[in-house]
Amino acid sequence: MNKIGQKTKFRVTFLLLGFIISSVFFVSQFFSYITQIMKTKQEIYDLEVAYNDKLHEEEVLNDEISKLEDPEYLAKYAREKYLYSKKDEIIIKIEE
């Protein structure tokens, strides 16, 4: 009867050790996947923010293009930005 008890203890110990090792492996894999998912979600969020910024920038640039198609705005822009002047016009630049 003593031998059956030792075999049973050995089996239980062996199975318990296998269970503990497999549990540690699965838990570590689980946390690895969770961190990978969190990094991916953060990357998606960052890319969405960058995408929205680019959409806003495109909107501003399209607005600027439509303004530059107007000859009056274009003349005003050239006078302000590049200091062009009309005939007999004097340019005075005041620095702030």
C-alpha atoms as a PDB file:
ATOM      1  CA  MET A   1       0.000   0.000   0.000  1.00  0.00           C
ATOM      2  CA  ASN A   2       2.898   2.309   0.634  1.00  0.00           C
ATOM      3  CA  LYS A   3       4.161   1.886  -2.957  1.00  0.00           C
ATOM      4  CA  ILE A   4       0.802   2.944  -4.428  1.00  0.00           C
ATOM      5  CA  GLY A   5       0.901   6.051  -2.282  1.00  0.00           C
ATOM      6  CA  GLN A   6       4.380   6.973  -3.541  1.00  0.00           C
ATOM      7  CA  LYS A   7       3.380   6.459  -7.196  1.00  0.00           C
ATOM      8  CA  THR A   8       0.320   8.588  -6.654  1.00  0.00           C
ATOM      9  CA  LYS A   9       2.377  11.349  -4.991  1.00  0.00           C
ATOM     10  CA  PHE A  10       4.854  11.249  -7.877  1.00  0.00           C
ATOM     11  CA  ARG A  11       2.040  11.504 -10.448  1.00  0.00           C
ATOM     12  CA  VAL A  12       0.329  14.337  -8.590  1.00  0.00           C
ATOM     13  CA  THR A  13       3.638  16.200  -8.187  1.00  0.00           C
ATOM     14  CA  PHE A  14       4.516  15.664 -11.850  1.00  0.00           C
ATOM     15  CA  LEU A  15       1.081  16.826 -13.031  1.00  0.00           C
ATOM     16  CA  LEU A  16       1.122  19.815 -10.662  1.00  0.00           C
ATOM     17  CA  LEU A  17       4.563  20.847 -11.892  1.00  0.00           C
ATOM     18  CA  GLY A  18       3.398  20.523 -15.520  1.00  0.00           C
ATOM     19  CA  PHE A  19       0.283  22.544 -14.735  1.00  0.00           C
ATOM     20  CA  ILE A  20       2.310  25.309 -13.063  1.00  0.00           C
ATOM     21  CA  ILE A  21       4.793  25.490 -15.964  1.00  0.00           C
ATOM     22  CA  SER A  22       2.037  25.576 -18.571  1.00  0.00           C
ATOM     23  CA  SER A  23       0.098  28.171 -16.552  1.00  0.00           C
ATOM     24  CA  VAL A  24       3.153  30.443 -16.344  1.00  0.00           C
ATOM     25  CA  PHE A  25       3.706  30.052 -20.094  1.00  0.00           C
ATOM     26  CA  PHE A  26       0.084  30.887 -20.954  1.00  0.00           C
ATOM     27  CA  VAL A  27      -0.057  33.857 -18.578  1.00  0.00           C
ATOM     28  CA  SER A  28       3.166  35.293 -20.005  1.00  0.00           C
ATOM     29  CA  GLN A  29       1.824  34.846 -23.558  1.00  0.00           C
ATOM     30  CA  PHE A  30      -1.439  36.484 -22.524  1.00  0.00           C
ATOM     31  CA  PHE A  31       0.317  39.569 -21.160  1.00  0.00           C
ATOM     32  CA  SER A  32       2.547  39.671 -24.217  1.00  0.00           C
ATOM     33  CA  TYR A  33      -0.516  39.754 -26.467  1.00  0.00           C
ATOM     34  CA  ILE A  34      -2.205  42.364 -24.295  1.00  0.00           C
ATOM     35  CA  THR A  35       0.806  44.700 -24.509  1.00  0.00           C
ATOM     36  CA  GLN A  36       0.992  44.162 -28.253  1.00  0.00           C
ATOM     37  CA  ILE A  37      -2.698  45.009 -28.601  1.00  0.00           C
ATOM     38  CA  MET A  38      -2.268  48.150 -26.488  1.00  0.00           C
ATOM     39  CA  LYS A  39       0.694  49.282 -28.618  1.00  0.00           C
ATOM     40  CA  THR A  40      -1.297  48.680 -31.776  1.00  0.00           C
ATOM     41  CA  LYS A  41      -4.272  50.645 -30.446  1.00  0.00           C
ATOM     42  CA  GLN A  42      -1.959  53.542 -29.527  1.00  0.00           C
ATOM     43  CA  GLU A  43      -0.413  53.445 -33.003  1.00  0.00           C
ATOM     44  CA  ILE A  44      -3.892  53.475 -34.584  1.00  0.00           C
ATOM     45  CA  TYR A  45      -4.845  56.480 -32.456  1.00  0.00           C
ATOM     46  CA  ASP A  46      -1.642  58.328 -33.404  1.00  0.00           C
ATOM     47  CA  LEU A  47      -2.227  57.593 -37.089  1.00  0.00           C
ATOM     48  CA  GLU A  48      -5.829  58.809 -36.859  1.00  0.00           C
ATOM     49  CA  VAL A  49      -4.641  62.057 -35.279  1.00  0.00           C
ATOM     50  CA  ALA A  50      -2.018  62.485 -38.013  1.00  0.00           C
ATOM     51  CA  TYR A  51      -4.652  61.710 -40.661  1.00  0.00           C
ATOM     52  CA  ASN A  52      -7.031  64.330 -39.248  1.00  0.00           C
ATOM     53  CA  ASP A  53      -4.194  66.868 -39.145  1.00  0.00           C
ATOM     54  CA  LYS A  54      -3.421  66.166 -42.807  1.00  0.00           C
ATOM     55  CA  LEU A  55      -7.106  66.527 -43.705  1.00  0.00           C
ATOM     56  CA  HIS A  56      -7.188  69.895 -41.974  1.00  0.00           C
ATOM     57  CA  GLU A  57      -3.979  70.933 -43.722  1.00  0.00           C
ATOM     58  CA  GLU A  58      -5.467  69.877 -47.073  1.00  0.00           C
ATOM     59  CA  GLU A  59      -8.562  71.939 -46.366  1.00  0.00           C
ATOM     60  CA  VAL A  60      -6.451  75.005 -45.553  1.00  0.00           C
ATOM     61  CA  LEU A  61      -4.354  74.540 -48.688  1.00  0.00           C
ATOM     62  CA  ASN A  62      -7.442  74.092 -50.887  1.00  0.00           C
ATOM     63  CA  ASP A  63      -8.842  77.284 -49.398  1.00  0.00           C
ATOM     64  CA  GLU A  64      -5.562  79.066 -50.160  1.00  0.00           C
ATOM     65  CA  ILE A  65      -5.644  77.748 -53.739  1.00  0.00           C
ATOM     66  CA  SER A  66      -9.158  79.070 -54.255  1.00  0.00           C
ATOM     67  CA  LYS A  67      -8.111  82.449 -52.853  1.00  0.00           C
ATOM     68  CA  LEU A  68      -5.055  82.603 -55.112  1.00  0.00           C
ATOM     69  CA  GLU A  69      -7.273  82.093 -58.157  1.00  0.00           C
ATOM     70  CA  ASP A  70      -8.821  85.514 -57.435  1.00  0.00           C
ATOM     71  CA  PRO A  71      -6.695  88.197 -59.198  1.00  0.00           C
ATOM     72  CA  GLU A  72      -7.419  90.866 -56.564  1.00  0.00           C
ATOM     73  CA  TYR A  73      -6.344  88.609 -53.694  1.00  0.00           C
ATOM     74  CA  LEU A  74      -3.285  87.527 -55.655  1.00  0.00           C
ATOM     75  CA  ALA A  75      -2.238  91.146 -56.224  1.00  0.00           C
ATOM     76  CA  LYS A  76      -2.778  91.983 -52.545  1.00  0.00           C
ATOM     77  CA  TYR A  77      -0.847  88.869 -51.482  1.00  0.00           C
ATOM     78  CA  ALA A  78       2.082  89.732 -53.767  1.00  0.00           C
ATOM     79  CA  ARG A  79       2.197  93.316 -52.460  1.00  0.00           C
ATOM     80  CA  GLU A  80       2.183  92.195 -48.819  1.00  0.00           C
ATOM     81  CA  LYS A  81       4.405  89.139 -49.067  1.00  0.00           C
ATOM     82  CA  TYR A  82       6.934  90.167 -51.722  1.00  0.00           C
ATOM     83  CA  LEU A  83       6.716  93.980 -51.411  1.00  0.00           C
ATOM     84  CA  TYR A  84       5.501  94.503 -54.985  1.00  0.00           C
ATOM     85  CA  SER A  85       3.983  97.850 -55.706  1.00  0.00           C
ATOM     86  CA  LYS A  86       1.754  99.431 -58.241  1.00  0.00           C
ATOM     87  CA  LYS A  87       3.020 102.223 -60.447  1.00  0.00           C
ATOM     88  CA  ASP A  88       3.835 105.358 -58.395  1.00  0.00           C
ATOM     89  CA  GLU A  89       3.223 103.507 -55.130  1.00  0.00           C
ATOM     90  CA  ILE A  90       5.724 103.800 -52.262  1.00  0.00           C
ATOM     91  CA  ILE A  91       6.303 100.854 -49.930  1.00  0.00           C
ATOM     92  CA  ILE A  92       7.002 101.570 -46.282  1.00  0.00           C
ATOM     93  CA  LYS A  93       7.833  98.535 -44.168  1.00  0.00           C
ATOM     94  CA  ILE A  94       7.287  98.848 -40.414  1.00  0.00           C
ATOM     95  CA  GLU A  95       8.943  96.161 -38.344  1.00  0.00           C
ATOM     96  CA  GLU A  96       7.237  95.058 -35.172  1.00  0.00           C
END
